Amino acid sequence: MPDSNLKVGTKLHIVTRRLFEADLRRHFVGAVTGLFNHCQEVQGYAFVFQPGKNEWQRRPELRTRIFSLGAAGLIVNVIPPDADVAALKYSVVENRLVVTDGASFTHDINEFGISR
């Protein structure tokens, strides 16, 4: 993939934008394992919001997904290389929803408040 700043091993937090209020709220966190054309192969974990429990749940199985990071329906955050992707979880810290590995990495999910 020419002119890309991404490299194999880059860790990403990818939010799929909802088009409608009832759409499933999905996030994916993982490391780039392949680059080709305008797509990136990312291996990691899917997170889905469970409205009945009002919480984010990580799917237990490691998945490999293909993303086109230039797609308008994605919000992509590069996360630090030392973040432990397998340990990531969502929690509320100081009244803010964050994704954290409980050690070196914490990232605000919603810059505007606690909305889950």
PDB file of N, CA and C in Angstrom:
ATOM      1  N   MET A   1       0.852  -1.177   0.000  1.00  0.00           N
ATOM      2  CA  MET A   1       0.000   0.000   0.000  1.00  0.00           C
ATOM      3  C   MET A   1       0.893   1.233   0.000  1.00  0.00           C
ATOM      4  N   PRO A   2       1.120   1.860  -1.124  1.00  0.00           N
ATOM      5  CA  PRO A   2       1.995   3.020  -1.187  1.00  0.00           C
ATOM      6  C   PRO A   2       1.416   4.207  -0.434  1.00  0.00           C
ATOM      7  N   ASP A   3       2.297   5.070   0.056  1.00  0.00           N
ATOM      8  CA  ASP A   3       1.927   6.315   0.732  1.00  0.00           C
ATOM      9  C   ASP A   3       1.108   6.105   1.994  1.00  0.00           C
ATOM     10  N   SER A   4       1.145   4.947   2.589  1.00  0.00           N
ATOM     11  CA  SER A   4       0.403   4.697   3.823  1.00  0.00           C
ATOM     12  C   SER A   4       1.312   4.903   5.021  1.00  0.00           C
ATOM     13  N   ASN A   5       0.764   5.515   6.060  1.00  0.00           N
ATOM     14  CA  ASN A   5       1.507   5.666   7.302  1.00  0.00           C
ATOM     15  C   ASN A   5       1.373   4.421   8.166  1.00  0.00           C
ATOM     16  N   LEU A   6       0.429   3.563   7.826  1.00  0.00           N
ATOM     17  CA  LEU A   6       0.239   2.341   8.594  1.00  0.00           C
ATOM     18  C   LEU A   6       1.297   1.313   8.217  1.00  0.00           C
ATOM     19  N   LYS A   7       1.650   0.527   9.223  1.00  0.00           N
ATOM     20  CA  LYS A   7       2.594  -0.568   9.010  1.00  0.00           C
ATOM     21  C   LYS A   7       2.020  -1.815   9.676  1.00  0.00           C
ATOM     22  N   VAL A   8       2.472  -2.954   9.253  1.00  0.00           N
ATOM     23  CA  VAL A   8       2.089  -4.189   9.936  1.00  0.00           C
ATOM     24  C   VAL A   8       2.512  -4.036  11.398  1.00  0.00           C
ATOM     25  N   GLY A   9       1.610  -4.349  12.298  1.00  0.00           N
ATOM     26  CA  GLY A   9       1.867  -4.215  13.729  1.00  0.00           C
ATOM     27  C   GLY A   9       1.230  -2.985  14.348  1.00  0.00           C
ATOM     28  N   THR A  10       0.833  -1.991  13.529  1.00  0.00           N
ATOM     29  CA  THR A  10       0.155  -0.808  14.059  1.00  0.00           C
ATOM     30  C   THR A  10      -1.144  -1.243  14.724  1.00  0.00           C
ATOM     31  N   LYS A  11      -1.410  -0.727  15.926  1.00  0.00           N
ATOM     32  CA  LYS A  11      -2.626  -1.097  16.658  1.00  0.00           C
ATOM     33  C   LYS A  11      -3.690  -0.026  16.459  1.00  0.00           C
ATOM     34  N   LEU A  12      -4.925  -0.500  16.229  1.00  0.00           N
ATOM     35  CA  LEU A  12      -6.026   0.392  15.894  1.00  0.00           C
ATOM     36  C   LEU A  12      -7.252   0.134  16.767  1.00  0.00           C
ATOM     37  N   HIS A  13      -7.991   1.192  17.045  1.00  0.00           N
ATOM     38  CA  HIS A  13      -9.318   1.129  17.661  1.00  0.00           C
ATOM     39  C   HIS A  13     -10.256   1.682  16.599  1.00  0.00           C
ATOM     40  N   ILE A  14     -11.156   0.836  16.095  1.00  0.00           N
ATOM     41  CA  ILE A  14     -12.015   1.193  14.967  1.00  0.00           C
ATOM     42  C   ILE A  14     -13.471   1.207  15.416  1.00  0.00           C
ATOM     43  N   VAL A  15     -14.128   2.338  15.212  1.00  0.00           N
ATOM     44  CA  VAL A  15     -15.541   2.504  15.553  1.00  0.00           C
ATOM     45  C   VAL A  15     -16.336   2.499  14.255  1.00  0.00           C
ATOM     46  N   THR A  16     -17.355   1.638  14.178  1.00  0.00           N
ATOM     47  CA  THR A  16     -18.256   1.639  13.031  1.00  0.00           C
ATOM     48  C   THR A  16     -19.399   2.599  13.344  1.00  0.00           C
ATOM     49  N   ARG A  17     -19.539   3.635  12.522  1.00  0.00           N
ATOM     50  CA  ARG A  17     -20.603   4.625  12.741  1.00  0.00           C
ATOM     51  C   ARG A  17     -21.966   3.996  12.509  1.00  0.00           C
ATOM     52  N   ARG A  18     -22.895   4.380  13.367  1.00  0.00           N
ATOM     53  CA  ARG A  18     -24.268   3.935  13.186  1.00  0.00           C
ATOM     54  C   ARG A  18     -24.965   4.861  12.207  1.00  0.00           C
ATOM     55  N   LEU A  19     -25.755   4.286  11.306  1.00  0.00           N
ATOM     56  CA  LEU A  19     -26.530   5.093  10.371  1.00  0.00           C
ATOM     57  C   LEU A  19     -27.908   5.416  10.940  1.00  0.00           C
ATOM     58  N   PHE A  20     -28.411   4.514  11.788  1.00  0.00           N
ATOM     59  CA  PHE A  20     -29.730   4.687  12.386  1.00  0.00           C
ATOM     60  C   PHE A  20     -29.642   4.423  13.882  1.00  0.00           C
ATOM     61  N   GLU A  21     -30.535   5.001  14.644  1.00  0.00           N
ATOM     62  CA  GLU A  21     -30.526   4.880  16.106  1.00  0.00           C
ATOM     63  C   GLU A  21     -30.512   3.421  16.557  1.00  0.00           C
ATOM     64  N   ALA A  22     -31.228   2.549  15.851  1.00  0.00           N
ATOM     65  CA  ALA A  22     -31.340   1.146  16.266  1.00  0.00           C
ATOM     66  C   ALA A  22     -30.180   0.266  15.785  1.00  0.00           C
ATOM     67  N   ASP A  23     -29.254   0.820  15.013  1.00  0.00           N
ATOM     68  CA  ASP A  23     -28.125   0.023  14.521  1.00  0.00           C
ATOM     69  C   ASP A  23     -27.276  -0.490  15.684  1.00  0.00           C
ATOM     70  N   LEU A  24     -26.705  -1.665  15.485  1.00  0.00           N
ATOM     71  CA  LEU A  24     -25.802  -2.260  16.461  1.00  0.00           C
ATOM     72  C   LEU A  24     -24.591  -1.354  16.633  1.00  0.00           C
ATOM     73  N   ARG A  25     -24.148  -1.158  17.866  1.00  0.00           N
ATOM     74  CA  ARG A  25     -22.967  -0.347  18.152  1.00  0.00           C
ATOM     75  C   ARG A  25     -21.770  -1.284  18.241  1.00  0.00           C
ATOM     76  N   ARG A  26     -20.825  -1.139  17.278  1.00  0.00           N
ATOM     77  CA  ARG A  26     -19.707  -2.059  17.171  1.00  0.00           C
ATOM     78  C   ARG A  26     -18.377  -1.311  17.141  1.00  0.00           C
ATOM     79  N   HIS A  27     -17.403  -1.883  17.834  1.00  0.00           N
ATOM     80  CA  HIS A  27     -16.022  -1.409  17.809  1.00  0.00           C
ATOM     81  C   HIS A  27     -15.127  -2.618  17.559  1.00  0.00           C
ATOM     82  N   PHE A  28     -13.940  -2.362  17.055  1.00  0.00           N
ATOM     83  CA  PHE A  28     -12.975  -3.431  16.829  1.00  0.00           C
ATOM     84  C   PHE A  28     -11.606  -2.899  17.226  1.00  0.00           C
ATOM     85  N   VAL A  29     -10.843  -3.698  17.962  1.00  0.00           N
ATOM     86  CA  VAL A  29      -9.502  -3.307  18.392  1.00  0.00           C
ATOM     87  C   VAL A  29      -8.537  -4.418  18.015  1.00  0.00           C
ATOM     88  N   GLY A  30      -7.448  -4.027  17.355  1.00  0.00           N
ATOM     89  CA  GLY A  30      -6.489  -5.051  16.966  1.00  0.00           C
ATOM     90  C   GLY A  30      -5.254  -4.462  16.324  1.00  0.00           C
ATOM     91  N   ALA A  31      -4.436  -5.344  15.779  1.00  0.00           N
ATOM     92  CA  ALA A  31      -3.177  -4.958  15.129  1.00  0.00           C
ATOM     93  C   ALA A  31      -3.259  -5.280  13.642  1.00  0.00           C
ATOM     94  N   VAL A  32      -2.698  -4.391  12.839  1.00  0.00           N
ATOM     95  CA  VAL A  32      -2.640  -4.595  11.395  1.00  0.00           C
ATOM     96  C   VAL A  32      -1.724  -5.792  11.113  1.00  0.00           C
ATOM     97  N   THR A  33      -2.260  -6.760  10.346  1.00  0.00           N
ATOM     98  CA  THR A  33      -1.467  -7.937   9.987  1.00  0.00           C
ATOM     99  C   THR A  33      -1.160  -7.998   8.498  1.00  0.00           C
ATOM    100  N   GLY A  34      -1.823  -7.137   7.723  1.00  0.00           N
ATOM    101  CA  GLY A  34      -1.564  -7.115   6.290  1.00  0.00           C
ATOM    102  C   GLY A  34      -2.069  -5.834   5.668  1.00  0.00           C
ATOM    103  N   LEU A  35      -1.391  -5.378   4.618  1.00  0.00           N
ATOM    104  CA  LEU A  35      -1.766  -4.172   3.882  1.00  0.00           C
ATOM    105  C   LEU A  35      -1.826  -4.523   2.409  1.00  0.00           C
ATOM    106  N   PHE A  36      -2.948  -4.210   1.755  1.00  0.00           N
ATOM    107  CA  PHE A  36      -3.053  -4.467   0.335  1.00  0.00           C
ATOM    108  C   PHE A  36      -4.082  -3.535  -0.274  1.00  0.00           C
ATOM    109  N   ASN A  37      -3.746  -3.024  -1.472  1.00  0.00           N
ATOM    110  CA  ASN A  37      -4.573  -2.018  -2.133  1.00  0.00           C
ATOM    111  C   ASN A  37      -4.924  -0.929  -1.129  1.00  0.00           C
ATOM    112  N   HIS A  38      -6.179  -0.674  -0.938  1.00  0.00           N
ATOM    113  CA  HIS A  38      -6.597   0.352   0.023  1.00  0.00           C
ATOM    114  C   HIS A  38      -7.254  -0.290   1.241  1.00  0.00           C
ATOM    115  N   CYS A  39      -6.923  -1.526   1.501  1.00  0.00           N
ATOM    116  CA  CYS A  39      -7.515  -2.247   2.631  1.00  0.00           C
ATOM    117  C   CYS A  39      -6.431  -2.692   3.610  1.00  0.00           C
ATOM    118  N   GLN A  40      -6.878  -2.892   4.841  1.00  0.00           N
ATOM    119  CA  GLN A  40      -5.982  -3.336   5.897  1.00  0.00           C
ATOM    120  C   GLN A  40      -6.594  -4.563   6.553  1.00  0.00           C
ATOM    121  N   GLU A  41      -5.785  -5.575   6.752  1.00  0.00           N
ATOM    122  CA  GLU A  41      -6.206  -6.763   7.491  1.00  0.00           C
ATOM    123  C   GLU A  41      -5.821  -6.502   8.949  1.00  0.00           C
ATOM    124  N   VAL A  42      -6.821  -6.634   9.844  1.00  0.00           N
ATOM    125  CA  VAL A  42      -6.597  -6.345  11.254  1.00  0.00           C
ATOM    126  C   VAL A  42      -7.046  -7.555  12.070  1.00  0.00           C
ATOM    127  N   GLN A  43      -6.180  -8.031  12.964  1.00  0.00           N
ATOM    128  CA  GLN A  43      -6.517  -9.151  13.833  1.00  0.00           C
ATOM    129  C   GLN A  43      -6.704  -8.615  15.244  1.00  0.00           C
ATOM    130  N   GLY A  44      -7.851  -8.960  15.849  1.00  0.00           N
ATOM    131  CA  GLY A  44      -8.125  -8.472  17.192  1.00  0.00           C
ATOM    132  C   GLY A  44      -9.481  -8.927  17.695  1.00  0.00           C
ATOM    133  N   TYR A  45     -10.142  -8.037  18.430  1.00  0.00           N
ATOM    134  CA  TYR A  45     -11.372  -8.395  19.125  1.00  0.00           C
ATOM    135  C   TYR A  45     -12.499  -7.425  18.799  1.00  0.00           C
ATOM    136  N   ALA A  46     -13.691  -7.980  18.654  1.00  0.00           N
ATOM    137  CA  ALA A  46     -14.894  -7.182  18.429  1.00  0.00           C
ATOM    138  C   ALA A  46     -15.542  -6.869  19.777  1.00  0.00           C
ATOM    139  N   PHE A  47     -16.038  -5.650  19.893  1.00  0.00           N
ATOM    140  CA  PHE A  47     -16.803  -5.219  21.060  1.00  0.00           C
ATOM    141  C   PHE A  47     -18.177  -4.789  20.572  1.00  0.00           C
ATOM    142  N   VAL A  48     -19.211  -5.200  21.294  1.00  0.00           N
ATOM    143  CA  VAL A  48     -20.581  -4.869  20.929  1.00  0.00           C
ATOM    144  C   VAL A  48     -21.285  -4.320  22.163  1.00  0.00           C
ATOM    145  N   PHE A  49     -22.043  -3.239  21.979  1.00  0.00           N
ATOM    146  CA  PHE A  49     -22.795  -2.659  23.092  1.00  0.00           C
ATOM    147  C   PHE A  49     -24.054  -3.464  23.330  1.00  0.00           C
ATOM    148  N   GLN A  50     -24.270  -3.862  24.581  1.00  0.00           N
ATOM    149  CA  GLN A  50     -25.453  -4.615  24.989  1.00  0.00           C
ATOM    150  C   GLN A  50     -26.409  -3.641  25.694  1.00  0.00           C
ATOM    151  N   PRO A  51     -27.440  -3.133  24.988  1.00  0.00           N
ATOM    152  CA  PRO A  51     -28.300  -2.109  25.591  1.00  0.00           C
ATOM    153  C   PRO A  51     -29.061  -2.592  26.828  1.00  0.00           C
ATOM    154  N   GLY A  52     -29.456  -3.839  26.879  1.00  0.00           N
ATOM    155  CA  GLY A  52     -30.177  -4.352  28.048  1.00  0.00           C
ATOM    156  C   GLY A  52     -29.343  -4.314  29.316  1.00  0.00           C
ATOM    157  N   LYS A  53     -28.040  -4.507  29.167  1.00  0.00           N
ATOM    158  CA  LYS A  53     -27.112  -4.473  30.300  1.00  0.00           C
ATOM    159  C   LYS A  53     -26.415  -3.116  30.421  1.00  0.00           C
ATOM    160  N   ASN A  54     -26.585  -2.282  29.393  1.00  0.00           N
ATOM    161  CA  ASN A  54     -25.945  -0.969  29.336  1.00  0.00           C
ATOM    162  C   ASN A  54     -24.428  -1.078  29.493  1.00  0.00           C
ATOM    163  N   GLU A  55     -23.836  -2.028  28.731  1.00  0.00           N
ATOM    164  CA  GLU A  55     -22.390  -2.225  28.815  1.00  0.00           C
ATOM    165  C   GLU A  55     -21.832  -2.744  27.498  1.00  0.00           C
ATOM    166  N   TRP A  56     -20.534  -2.524  27.321  1.00  0.00           N
ATOM    167  CA  TRP A  56     -19.805  -3.056  26.176  1.00  0.00           C
ATOM    168  C   TRP A  56     -19.268  -4.430  26.538  1.00  0.00           C
ATOM    169  N   GLN A  57     -19.449  -5.390  25.621  1.00  0.00           N
ATOM    170  CA  GLN A  57     -18.932  -6.738  25.854  1.00  0.00           C
ATOM    171  C   GLN A  57     -17.986  -7.124  24.720  1.00  0.00           C
ATOM    172  N   ARG A  58     -16.856  -7.675  25.105  1.00  0.00           N
ATOM    173  CA  ARG A  58     -15.896  -8.152  24.114  1.00  0.00           C
ATOM    174  C   ARG A  58     -16.257  -9.571  23.719  1.00  0.00           C
ATOM    175  N   ARG A  59     -16.273  -9.838  22.431  1.00  0.00           N
ATOM    176  CA  ARG A  59     -16.449 -11.198  21.950  1.00  0.00           C
ATOM    177  C   ARG A  59     -15.153 -11.944  22.251  1.00  0.00           C
ATOM    178  N   PRO A  60     -15.240 -13.165  22.779  1.00  0.00           N
ATOM    179  CA  PRO A  60     -14.035 -13.831  23.274  1.00  0.00           C
ATOM    180  C   PRO A  60     -13.051 -14.301  22.198  1.00  0.00           C
ATOM    181  N   GLU A  61     -13.539 -14.564  21.001  1.00  0.00           N
ATOM    182  CA  GLU A  61     -12.657 -15.139  19.993  1.00  0.00           C
ATOM    183  C   GLU A  61     -11.869 -14.067  19.236  1.00  0.00           C
ATOM    184  N   LEU A  62     -10.621 -14.396  18.950  1.00  0.00           N
ATOM    185  CA  LEU A  62      -9.758 -13.552  18.138  1.00  0.00           C
ATOM    186  C   LEU A  62     -10.287 -13.607  16.710  1.00  0.00           C
ATOM    187  N   ARG A  63     -10.433 -12.444  16.074  1.00  0.00           N
ATOM    188  CA  ARG A  63     -10.984 -12.384  14.723  1.00  0.00           C
ATOM    189  C   ARG A  63     -10.027 -11.656  13.799  1.00  0.00           C
ATOM    190  N   THR A  64     -10.151 -11.937  12.519  1.00  0.00           N
ATOM    191  CA  THR A  64      -9.410 -11.200  11.501  1.00  0.00           C
ATOM    192  C   THR A  64     -10.435 -10.545  10.591  1.00  0.00           C
ATOM    193  N   ARG A  65     -10.311  -9.227  10.440  1.00  0.00           N
ATOM    194  CA  ARG A  65     -11.252  -8.474   9.605  1.00  0.00           C
ATOM    195  C   ARG A  65     -10.474  -7.639   8.603  1.00  0.00           C
ATOM    196  N   ILE A  66     -11.141  -7.333   7.502  1.00  0.00           N
ATOM    197  CA  ILE A  66     -10.582  -6.476   6.464  1.00  0.00           C
ATOM    198  C   ILE A  66     -11.337  -5.148   6.525  1.00  0.00           C
ATOM    199  N   PHE A  67     -10.588  -4.053   6.594  1.00  0.00           N
ATOM    200  CA  PHE A  67     -11.172  -2.719   6.643  1.00  0.00           C
ATOM    201  C   PHE A  67     -10.588  -1.860   5.538  1.00  0.00           C
ATOM    202  N   SER A  68     -11.389  -0.966   5.022  1.00  0.00           N
ATOM    203  CA  SER A  68     -10.905   0.121   4.192  1.00  0.00           C
ATOM    204  C   SER A  68     -10.975   1.350   5.083  1.00  0.00           C
ATOM    205  N   LEU A  69      -9.840   1.753   5.621  1.00  0.00           N
ATOM    206  CA  LEU A  69      -9.828   2.800   6.638  1.00  0.00           C
ATOM    207  C   LEU A  69     -10.204   4.164   6.091  1.00  0.00           C
ATOM    208  N   GLY A  70     -10.311   4.299   4.791  1.00  0.00           N
ATOM    209  CA  GLY A  70     -10.769   5.548   4.196  1.00  0.00           C
ATOM    210  C   GLY A  70     -12.281   5.615   4.090  1.00  0.00           C
ATOM    211  N   ALA A  71     -12.968   4.550   4.494  1.00  0.00           N
ATOM    212  CA  ALA A  71     -14.427   4.516   4.399  1.00  0.00           C
ATOM    213  C   ALA A  71     -15.052   5.543   5.343  1.00  0.00           C
ATOM    214  N   ALA A  72     -16.087   6.208   4.872  1.00  0.00           N
ATOM    215  CA  ALA A  72     -16.747   7.252   5.664  1.00  0.00           C
ATOM    216  C   ALA A  72     -17.425   6.689   6.905  1.00  0.00           C
ATOM    217  N   GLY A  73     -17.710   5.413   6.934  1.00  0.00           N
ATOM    218  CA  GLY A  73     -18.430   4.817   8.054  1.00  0.00           C
ATOM    219  C   GLY A  73     -17.559   4.379   9.211  1.00  0.00           C
ATOM    220  N   LEU A  74     -16.273   4.716   9.185  1.00  0.00           N
ATOM    221  CA  LEU A  74     -15.362   4.286  10.249  1.00  0.00           C
ATOM    222  C   LEU A  74     -14.683   5.484  10.909  1.00  0.00           C
ATOM    223  N   ILE A  75     -14.506   5.384  12.205  1.00  0.00           N
ATOM    224  CA  ILE A  75     -13.662   6.314  12.954  1.00  0.00           C
ATOM    225  C   ILE A  75     -12.487   5.475  13.428  1.00  0.00           C
ATOM    226  N   VAL A  76     -11.276   5.861  13.058  1.00  0.00           N
ATOM    227  CA  VAL A  76     -10.101   5.042  13.336  1.00  0.00           C
ATOM    228  C   VAL A  76      -9.141   5.813  14.237  1.00  0.00           C
ATOM    229  N   ASN A  77      -8.772   5.188  15.348  1.00  0.00           N
ATOM    230  CA  ASN A  77      -7.786   5.744  16.272  1.00  0.00           C
ATOM    231  C   ASN A  77      -6.581   4.820  16.294  1.00  0.00           C
ATOM    232  N   VAL A  78      -5.389   5.395  16.155  1.00  0.00           N
ATOM    233  CA  VAL A  78      -4.155   4.618  16.314  1.00  0.00           C
ATOM    234  C   VAL A  78      -3.864   4.596  17.805  1.00  0.00           C
ATOM    235  N   ILE A  79      -3.607   3.402  18.330  1.00  0.00           N
ATOM    236  CA  ILE A  79      -3.318   3.282  19.760  1.00  0.00           C
ATOM    237  C   ILE A  79      -1.847   2.897  19.943  1.00  0.00           C
ATOM    238  N   PRO A  80      -1.307   3.148  21.120  1.00  0.00           N
ATOM    239  CA  PRO A  80       0.127   2.914  21.333  1.00  0.00           C
ATOM    240  C   PRO A  80       0.535   1.450  21.114  1.00  0.00           C
ATOM    241  N   PRO A  81       1.752   1.247  20.651  1.00  0.00           N
ATOM    242  CA  PRO A  81       2.228  -0.114  20.394  1.00  0.00           C
ATOM    243  C   PRO A  81       2.311  -0.978  21.644  1.00  0.00           C
ATOM    244  N   ASP A  82       2.427  -0.366  22.824  1.00  0.00           N
ATOM    245  CA  ASP A  82       2.527  -1.155  24.052  1.00  0.00           C
ATOM    246  C   ASP A  82       1.167  -1.466  24.678  1.00  0.00           C
ATOM    247  N   ALA A  83       0.065  -0.995  24.071  1.00  0.00           N
ATOM    248  CA  ALA A  83      -1.269  -1.327  24.586  1.00  0.00           C
ATOM    249  C   ALA A  83      -1.508  -2.828  24.436  1.00  0.00           C
ATOM    250  N   ASP A  84      -2.036  -3.451  25.481  1.00  0.00           N
ATOM    251  CA  ASP A  84      -2.311  -4.896  25.470  1.00  0.00           C
ATOM    252  C   ASP A  84      -3.715  -5.124  24.931  1.00  0.00           C
ATOM    253  N   VAL A  85      -3.811  -5.404  23.634  1.00  0.00           N
ATOM    254  CA  VAL A  85      -5.105  -5.566  22.966  1.00  0.00           C
ATOM    255  C   VAL A  85      -5.948  -6.663  23.620  1.00  0.00           C
ATOM    256  N   ALA A  86      -5.339  -7.748  24.031  1.00  0.00           N
ATOM    257  CA  ALA A  86      -6.077  -8.863  24.639  1.00  0.00           C
ATOM    258  C   ALA A  86      -6.661  -8.507  25.998  1.00  0.00           C
ATOM    259  N   ALA A  87      -6.140  -7.470  26.657  1.00  0.00           N
ATOM    260  CA  ALA A  87      -6.616  -7.084  27.983  1.00  0.00           C
ATOM    261  C   ALA A  87      -7.599  -5.911  27.941  1.00  0.00           C
ATOM    262  N   LEU A  88      -7.861  -5.354  26.766  1.00  0.00           N
ATOM    263  CA  LEU A  88      -8.712  -4.170  26.683  1.00  0.00           C
ATOM    264  C   LEU A  88     -10.129  -4.452  27.145  1.00  0.00           C
ATOM    265  N   LYS A  89     -10.691  -3.461  27.839  1.00  0.00           N
ATOM    266  CA  LYS A  89     -12.085  -3.526  28.294  1.00  0.00           C
ATOM    267  C   LYS A  89     -12.609  -2.106  28.384  1.00  0.00           C
ATOM    268  N   TYR A  90     -13.917  -1.981  28.402  1.00  0.00           N
ATOM    269  CA  TYR A  90     -14.564  -0.683  28.540  1.00  0.00           C
ATOM    270  C   TYR A  90     -14.950  -0.492  29.991  1.00  0.00           C
ATOM    271  N   SER A  91     -14.740   0.722  30.495  1.00  0.00           N
ATOM    272  CA  SER A  91     -15.141   1.021  31.865  1.00  0.00           C
ATOM    273  C   SER A  91     -15.390   2.516  31.995  1.00  0.00           C
ATOM    274  N   VAL A  92     -15.983   2.897  33.113  1.00  0.00           N
ATOM    275  CA  VAL A  92     -16.220   4.302  33.402  1.00  0.00           C
ATOM    276  C   VAL A  92     -15.172   4.744  34.410  1.00  0.00           C
ATOM    277  N   VAL A  93     -14.393   5.765  34.040  1.00  0.00           N
ATOM    278  CA  VAL A  93     -13.350   6.311  34.892  1.00  0.00           C
ATOM    279  C   VAL A  93     -13.605   7.806  35.017  1.00  0.00           C
ATOM    280  N   GLU A  94     -13.763   8.267  36.250  1.00  0.00           N
ATOM    281  CA  GLU A  94     -14.043   9.682  36.507  1.00  0.00           C
ATOM    282  C   GLU A  94     -15.193  10.184  35.645  1.00  0.00           C
ATOM    283  N   ASN A  95     -16.262   9.405  35.603  1.00  0.00           N
ATOM    284  CA  ASN A  95     -17.489   9.740  34.880  1.00  0.00           C
ATOM    285  C   ASN A  95     -17.286   9.838  33.361  1.00  0.00           C
ATOM    286  N   ARG A  96     -16.268   9.148  32.836  1.00  0.00           N
ATOM    287  CA  ARG A  96     -15.982   9.116  31.403  1.00  0.00           C
ATOM    288  C   ARG A  96     -15.915   7.667  30.942  1.00  0.00           C
ATOM    289  N   LEU A  97     -16.515   7.380  29.791  1.00  0.00           N
ATOM    290  CA  LEU A  97     -16.413   6.045  29.203  1.00  0.00           C
ATOM    291  C   LEU A  97     -15.065   5.936  28.497  1.00  0.00           C
ATOM    292  N   VAL A  98     -14.268   4.931  28.879  1.00  0.00           N
ATOM    293  CA  VAL A  98     -12.939   4.738  28.298  1.00  0.00           C
ATOM    294  C   VAL A  98     -12.754   3.280  27.914  1.00  0.00           C
ATOM    295  N   VAL A  99     -11.801   3.049  27.020  1.00  0.00           N
ATOM    296  CA  VAL A  99     -11.313   1.705  26.757  1.00  0.00           C
ATOM    297  C   VAL A  99      -9.896   1.699  27.329  1.00  0.00           C
ATOM    298  N   THR A 100      -9.583   0.653  28.100  1.00  0.00           N
ATOM    299  CA  THR A 100      -8.296   0.611  28.794  1.00  0.00           C
ATOM    300  C   THR A 100      -7.774  -0.815  28.868  1.00  0.00           C
ATOM    301  N   ASP A 101      -6.458  -0.932  28.939  1.00  0.00           N
ATOM    302  CA  ASP A 101      -5.866  -2.250  29.173  1.00  0.00           C
ATOM    303  C   ASP A 101      -5.562  -2.439  30.651  1.00  0.00           C
ATOM    304  N   GLY A 102      -5.920  -1.438  31.470  1.00  0.00           N
ATOM    305  CA  GLY A 102      -5.709  -1.522  32.911  1.00  0.00           C
ATOM    306  C   GLY A 102      -4.281  -1.262  33.333  1.00  0.00           C
ATOM    307  N   ALA A 103      -3.424  -0.940  32.370  1.00  0.00           N
ATOM    308  CA  ALA A 103      -2.007  -0.713  32.686  1.00  0.00           C
ATOM    309  C   ALA A 103      -1.542   0.599  32.053  1.00  0.00           C
ATOM    310  N   SER A 104      -1.062   0.519  30.819  1.00  0.00           N
ATOM    311  CA  SER A 104      -0.430   1.684  30.198  1.00  0.00           C
ATOM    312  C   SER A 104      -1.335   2.484  29.268  1.00  0.00           C
ATOM    313  N   PHE A 105      -2.503   1.955  28.905  1.00  0.00           N
ATOM    314  CA  PHE A 105      -3.321   2.606  27.879  1.00  0.00           C
ATOM    315  C   PHE A 105      -4.736   2.864  28.357  1.00  0.00           C
ATOM    316  N   THR A 106      -5.194   4.113  28.197  1.00  0.00           N
ATOM    317  CA  THR A 106      -6.588   4.501  28.445  1.00  0.00           C
ATOM    318  C   THR A 106      -6.968   5.511  27.373  1.00  0.00           C
ATOM    319  N   HIS A 107      -8.141   5.313  26.757  1.00  0.00           N
ATOM    320  CA  HIS A 107      -8.593   6.195  25.672  1.00  0.00           C
ATOM    321  C   HIS A 107     -10.058   6.550  25.883  1.00  0.00           C
ATOM    322  N   ASP A 108     -10.368   7.861  25.926  1.00  0.00           N
ATOM    323  CA  ASP A 108     -11.760   8.325  26.006  1.00  0.00           C
ATOM    324  C   ASP A 108     -12.510   7.906  24.753  1.00  0.00           C
ATOM    325  N   ILE A 109     -13.674   7.310  24.937  1.00  0.00           N
ATOM    326  CA  ILE A 109     -14.496   6.914  23.798  1.00  0.00           C
ATOM    327  C   ILE A 109     -15.352   8.079  23.333  1.00  0.00           C
ATOM    328  N   ASN A 110     -15.899   8.835  24.267  1.00  0.00           N
ATOM    329  CA  ASN A 110     -16.778   9.940  23.941  1.00  0.00           C
ATOM    330  C   ASN A 110     -16.215  11.202  24.580  1.00  0.00           C
ATOM    331  N   GLU A 111     -15.710  12.096  23.754  1.00  0.00           N
ATOM    332  CA  GLU A 111     -15.096  13.314  24.269  1.00  0.00           C
ATOM    333  C   GLU A 111     -16.088  14.255  24.936  1.00  0.00           C
ATOM    334  N   PHE A 112     -17.382  14.013  24.758  1.00  0.00           N
ATOM    335  CA  PHE A 112     -18.387  14.961  25.220  1.00  0.00           C
ATOM    336  C   PHE A 112     -19.156  14.512  26.451  1.00  0.00           C
ATOM    337  N   GLY A 113     -18.817  13.405  27.063  1.00  0.00           N
ATOM    338  CA  GLY A 113     -19.521  12.993  28.272  1.00  0.00           C
ATOM    339  C   GLY A 113     -19.678  11.504  28.386  1.00  0.00           C
ATOM    340  N   ILE A 114     -20.513  11.083  29.305  1.00  0.00           N
ATOM    341  CA  ILE A 114     -20.642   9.686  29.693  1.00  0.00           C
ATOM    342  C   ILE A 114     -21.484   8.851  28.750  1.00  0.00           C
ATOM    343  N   SER A 115     -22.122   9.440  27.773  1.00  0.00           N
ATOM    344  CA  SER A 115     -23.004   8.700  26.882  1.00  0.00           C
ATOM    345  C   SER A 115     -22.361   7.391  26.432  1.00  0.00           C
ATOM    346  N   ARG A 116     -23.049   6.285  26.653  1.00  0.00           N
ATOM    347  CA  ARG A 116     -22.521   4.971  26.283  1.00  0.00           C
ATOM    348  C   ARG A 116     -23.090   4.587  24.962  1.00  0.00           C
TER     349      ARG A 116
END
